[in-house]
N, C-alpha and C. Protein backbone atom coordinates (compact mmCIF):
# COMPACT_ATOMS: atom_id res chain seq x y z
N UNK A 1 4.45 8.13 2.32
CA UNK A 1 3.53 6.83 2.15
C UNK A 1 4.61 5.63 1.64
N UNK A 2 4.65 4.50 2.22
CA UNK A 2 5.45 3.49 1.67
C UNK A 2 4.97 3.10 0.32
N UNK A 3 5.86 2.69 -0.40
CA UNK A 3 5.93 2.27 -1.90
C UNK A 3 5.17 0.86 -1.67
N UNK A 4 4.15 0.47 -2.68
CA UNK A 4 3.65 -0.87 -2.47
C UNK A 4 4.76 -1.96 -2.56
N UNK A 5 5.71 -1.85 -3.32
CA UNK A 5 6.68 -2.94 -3.28
C UNK A 5 7.28 -3.08 -1.89
N UNK A 6 7.45 -2.00 -1.30
CA UNK A 6 8.04 -2.14 0.13
C UNK A 6 7.13 -2.52 1.28
N UNK A 7 6.00 -2.81 1.05
CA UNK A 7 5.12 -3.40 1.92
C UNK A 7 5.64 -4.70 2.39
N UNK A 8 5.93 -5.57 1.67
CA UNK A 8 6.54 -6.89 2.10
C UNK A 8 5.28 -7.67 2.34
N UNK A 9 4.23 -7.50 1.58
CA UNK A 9 2.97 -8.32 1.62
C UNK A 9 2.81 -9.02 0.39
N UNK A 10 2.52 -10.29 0.38
CA UNK A 10 2.43 -11.03 -0.78
C UNK A 10 0.73 -11.30 -1.05
N UNK A 11 0.69 -11.57 -2.05
CA UNK A 11 -0.75 -11.74 -2.59
C UNK A 11 -1.22 -13.12 -2.03
N UNK A 12 -2.43 -13.22 -1.66
CA UNK A 12 -3.02 -14.50 -1.22
C UNK A 12 -3.86 -14.14 -0.14
N UNK A 13 -4.57 -15.22 0.37
CA UNK A 13 -5.70 -14.98 1.54
C UNK A 13 -4.98 -15.58 2.79
N UNK A 14 -5.74 -15.31 3.90
CA UNK A 14 -5.12 -15.60 5.25
C UNK A 14 -4.85 -17.16 5.29
N UNK A 15 -5.73 -17.96 4.77
CA UNK A 15 -5.63 -19.40 5.02
C UNK A 15 -4.36 -19.92 4.14
N UNK A 16 -4.02 -19.17 3.02
CA UNK A 16 -2.68 -19.57 2.44
C UNK A 16 -1.40 -19.62 3.33
N UNK A 17 -1.48 -18.73 4.38
CA UNK A 17 -0.37 -18.51 5.28
C UNK A 17 -0.83 -19.01 6.64
N UNK A 18 -1.73 -19.99 6.63
CA UNK A 18 -1.99 -20.45 7.94
C UNK A 18 -2.76 -19.83 8.96
N UNK A 19 -3.49 -18.80 8.51
CA UNK A 19 -4.23 -17.94 9.59
C UNK A 19 -5.66 -18.66 9.53
N UNK A 20 -6.44 -19.08 10.37
CA UNK A 20 -7.67 -19.76 10.32
C UNK A 20 -8.64 -18.69 9.99
N UNK A 21 -9.87 -19.25 9.39
CA UNK A 21 -10.97 -18.33 8.91
C UNK A 21 -11.71 -18.10 10.08
N UNK A 22 -11.95 -16.80 10.40
CA UNK A 22 -12.62 -16.43 11.66
C UNK A 22 -14.25 -16.38 11.46
N UNK A 23 -14.90 -16.55 12.71
CA UNK A 23 -16.69 -16.35 12.58
C UNK A 23 -16.42 -15.08 13.40
N UNK A 24 -16.85 -13.79 12.47
CA UNK A 24 -16.99 -12.65 13.17
C UNK A 24 -18.34 -12.40 13.80
N UNK A 25 -18.44 -11.58 14.83
CA UNK A 25 -19.72 -11.32 15.56
C UNK A 25 -20.32 -9.93 14.61
N UNK A 26 -21.68 -9.66 14.80
CA UNK A 26 -22.05 -8.63 13.93
C UNK A 26 -21.47 -7.43 14.08
N UNK A 27 -21.11 -7.17 15.37
CA UNK A 27 -20.38 -5.94 15.84
C UNK A 27 -18.98 -5.63 15.24
N UNK A 28 -18.46 -6.74 14.69
CA UNK A 28 -16.97 -6.61 14.23
C UNK A 28 -17.28 -6.66 12.60
N UNK A 29 -18.26 -6.84 11.90
CA UNK A 29 -18.09 -6.83 10.49
C UNK A 29 -17.95 -5.25 9.96
N UNK A 30 -18.69 -4.36 10.49
CA UNK A 30 -18.54 -3.11 9.99
C UNK A 30 -17.13 -2.50 10.23
N UNK A 31 -16.54 -2.48 11.36
CA UNK A 31 -15.06 -2.14 11.72
C UNK A 31 -14.26 -2.80 10.67
N UNK A 32 -14.39 -4.11 10.47
CA UNK A 32 -13.53 -4.89 9.57
C UNK A 32 -13.52 -4.31 8.27
N UNK A 33 -14.70 -4.00 7.62
CA UNK A 33 -14.86 -3.38 6.30
C UNK A 33 -14.16 -1.93 6.17
N UNK A 34 -14.41 -1.34 7.33
CA UNK A 34 -14.12 0.18 7.35
C UNK A 34 -12.42 0.09 7.27
N UNK A 35 -11.61 -0.89 8.02
CA UNK A 35 -10.22 -1.01 7.93
C UNK A 35 -10.03 -1.36 6.70
N UNK A 36 -10.56 -2.51 6.07
CA UNK A 36 -10.06 -3.07 4.83
C UNK A 36 -10.33 -1.87 3.54
N UNK A 37 -11.08 -0.99 3.73
CA UNK A 37 -11.37 0.13 2.87
C UNK A 37 -10.31 1.03 3.01
N UNK A 38 -9.82 1.40 4.25
CA UNK A 38 -8.71 2.36 4.62
C UNK A 38 -7.48 1.99 3.95
N UNK A 39 -7.20 0.65 3.71
CA UNK A 39 -5.83 0.18 3.24
C UNK A 39 -5.91 -0.50 1.71
N UNK A 40 -7.22 -0.46 1.17
CA UNK A 40 -7.41 -1.29 0.08
C UNK A 40 -6.52 -0.85 -1.13
N UNK A 41 -6.36 0.34 -1.33
CA UNK A 41 -5.48 0.99 -2.57
C UNK A 41 -4.07 0.18 -2.40
N UNK A 42 -3.71 0.36 -1.06
CA UNK A 42 -2.30 -0.09 -0.94
C UNK A 42 -2.20 -1.56 -0.85
N UNK A 43 -3.07 -2.43 -0.57
CA UNK A 43 -3.11 -3.90 -0.59
C UNK A 43 -3.35 -4.36 -2.13
N UNK A 44 -4.34 -3.66 -2.73
CA UNK A 44 -4.51 -4.01 -4.13
C UNK A 44 -3.26 -3.75 -4.95
N UNK A 45 -2.39 -2.63 -4.66
CA UNK A 45 -1.10 -2.46 -5.22
C UNK A 45 -0.09 -3.40 -5.08
N UNK A 46 -0.25 -4.22 -3.93
CA UNK A 46 0.54 -5.34 -3.53
C UNK A 46 -0.06 -6.56 -4.36
N UNK A 47 -1.11 -6.47 -4.94
CA UNK A 47 -1.63 -7.82 -5.69
C UNK A 47 -2.60 -8.47 -5.08
N UNK A 48 -3.22 -8.01 -3.83
CA UNK A 48 -4.42 -8.77 -3.32
C UNK A 48 -5.60 -8.39 -3.89
N UNK A 49 -6.51 -9.32 -4.11
CA UNK A 49 -7.87 -8.86 -4.63
C UNK A 49 -8.65 -8.46 -3.50
N UNK A 50 -9.89 -7.75 -3.75
CA UNK A 50 -10.81 -7.52 -2.68
C UNK A 50 -11.31 -8.52 -1.60
N UNK A 51 -11.55 -9.78 -2.31
CA UNK A 51 -12.00 -10.66 -1.54
C UNK A 51 -10.73 -11.16 -0.33
N UNK A 52 -9.49 -11.19 -0.85
CA UNK A 52 -8.26 -11.41 -0.09
C UNK A 52 -8.23 -10.32 1.08
N UNK A 53 -8.39 -9.05 0.78
CA UNK A 53 -8.36 -7.94 1.54
C UNK A 53 -9.38 -8.07 2.58
N UNK A 54 -10.65 -8.23 2.27
CA UNK A 54 -11.78 -8.53 3.30
C UNK A 54 -11.60 -9.71 4.14
N UNK A 55 -10.76 -10.72 3.61
CA UNK A 55 -10.52 -11.97 4.46
C UNK A 55 -9.52 -11.56 5.65
N UNK A 56 -8.54 -10.90 5.13
CA UNK A 56 -7.37 -10.53 5.97
C UNK A 56 -8.26 -9.53 7.16
N UNK A 57 -8.98 -8.59 6.74
CA UNK A 57 -9.60 -7.73 7.72
C UNK A 57 -10.31 -8.61 8.69
N UNK A 58 -11.17 -9.53 8.11
CA UNK A 58 -12.00 -10.26 9.08
C UNK A 58 -11.10 -11.19 10.07
N UNK A 59 -9.86 -11.69 9.64
CA UNK A 59 -9.09 -12.60 10.45
C UNK A 59 -8.44 -11.44 11.39
N UNK A 60 -7.94 -10.09 10.93
CA UNK A 60 -7.50 -9.27 12.13
C UNK A 60 -8.53 -9.07 13.23
N UNK A 61 -9.78 -8.68 12.85
CA UNK A 61 -10.75 -8.34 13.77
C UNK A 61 -11.15 -9.40 14.64
N UNK A 62 -10.87 -10.73 14.17
CA UNK A 62 -11.29 -11.93 15.12
C UNK A 62 -10.29 -11.97 16.36
N UNK A 63 -9.21 -11.46 16.26
CA UNK A 63 -8.31 -11.34 17.54
C UNK A 63 -7.87 -9.88 17.86
N UNK A 64 -8.58 -8.71 17.45
CA UNK A 64 -8.27 -7.35 17.60
C UNK A 64 -9.57 -6.67 17.95
N UNK A 65 -9.77 -5.84 18.83
CA UNK A 65 -10.96 -5.34 19.13
C UNK A 65 -10.82 -3.83 18.30
N UNK A 66 -9.71 -3.57 18.00
CA UNK A 66 -9.58 -2.21 17.27
C UNK A 66 -8.13 -2.31 16.57
N UNK A 67 -7.92 -1.19 15.70
CA UNK A 67 -6.76 -1.06 15.13
C UNK A 67 -6.73 -0.10 13.91
N UNK A 68 -5.62 0.28 13.61
CA UNK A 68 -5.65 1.19 12.32
C UNK A 68 -4.81 0.60 11.28
N UNK A 69 -4.88 1.32 10.03
CA UNK A 69 -4.07 0.84 8.98
C UNK A 69 -2.74 0.19 9.21
N UNK A 70 -1.96 0.87 10.10
CA UNK A 70 -0.45 0.67 10.13
C UNK A 70 -0.51 -0.89 10.93
N UNK A 71 -1.31 -0.55 12.05
CA UNK A 71 -1.23 -1.99 12.92
C UNK A 71 -1.84 -3.24 11.95
N UNK A 72 -2.79 -2.99 11.01
CA UNK A 72 -3.30 -4.07 10.30
C UNK A 72 -2.10 -4.46 9.47
N UNK A 73 -1.63 -3.60 8.48
CA UNK A 73 -0.42 -3.76 7.68
C UNK A 73 0.63 -4.64 8.35
N UNK A 74 1.02 -4.10 9.56
CA UNK A 74 2.08 -4.85 10.33
C UNK A 74 1.73 -6.41 10.69
N UNK A 75 0.42 -6.49 11.04
CA UNK A 75 -0.24 -7.67 11.30
C UNK A 75 -0.05 -8.53 10.15
N UNK A 76 -0.44 -8.32 9.06
CA UNK A 76 -0.46 -9.06 7.67
C UNK A 76 1.06 -9.62 7.68
N UNK A 77 1.86 -8.49 7.64
CA UNK A 77 3.37 -8.80 7.37
C UNK A 77 3.85 -9.90 8.33
N UNK A 78 3.59 -9.89 9.56
CA UNK A 78 3.96 -10.82 10.65
C UNK A 78 3.30 -12.07 10.43
N UNK A 79 2.20 -12.25 10.05
CA UNK A 79 1.36 -13.51 9.79
C UNK A 79 2.16 -14.11 8.56
N UNK A 80 2.52 -13.51 7.58
CA UNK A 80 2.99 -13.97 6.36
C UNK A 80 4.54 -14.26 6.59
N UNK A 81 5.26 -13.54 7.36
CA UNK A 81 6.48 -13.95 7.76
C UNK A 81 6.71 -15.03 8.60
N UNK A 82 5.64 -15.53 9.06
CA UNK A 82 5.85 -16.66 10.26
C UNK A 82 5.47 -17.99 9.50
N UNK A 83 5.38 -17.97 8.15
CA UNK A 83 5.05 -19.18 7.52
C UNK A 83 6.29 -19.61 6.70
């Protein structure tokens, strides 16, 4: 498992990094929460709050139909690195 310090993820919400707030469909809400719960401990260890984690998962599912924890974490890293 990757150490939290090595995640390369900074605390903050998606909008802090220029990621727009999404409007999720009803079908996207449950998978978004399941994904957030899958990596919640790791992201909390990186300093993100529960609300920030949920917001990142919502933003991820607004543009992805599916994905696992590794893809989600890599997506966050990429969004944060692009700012």
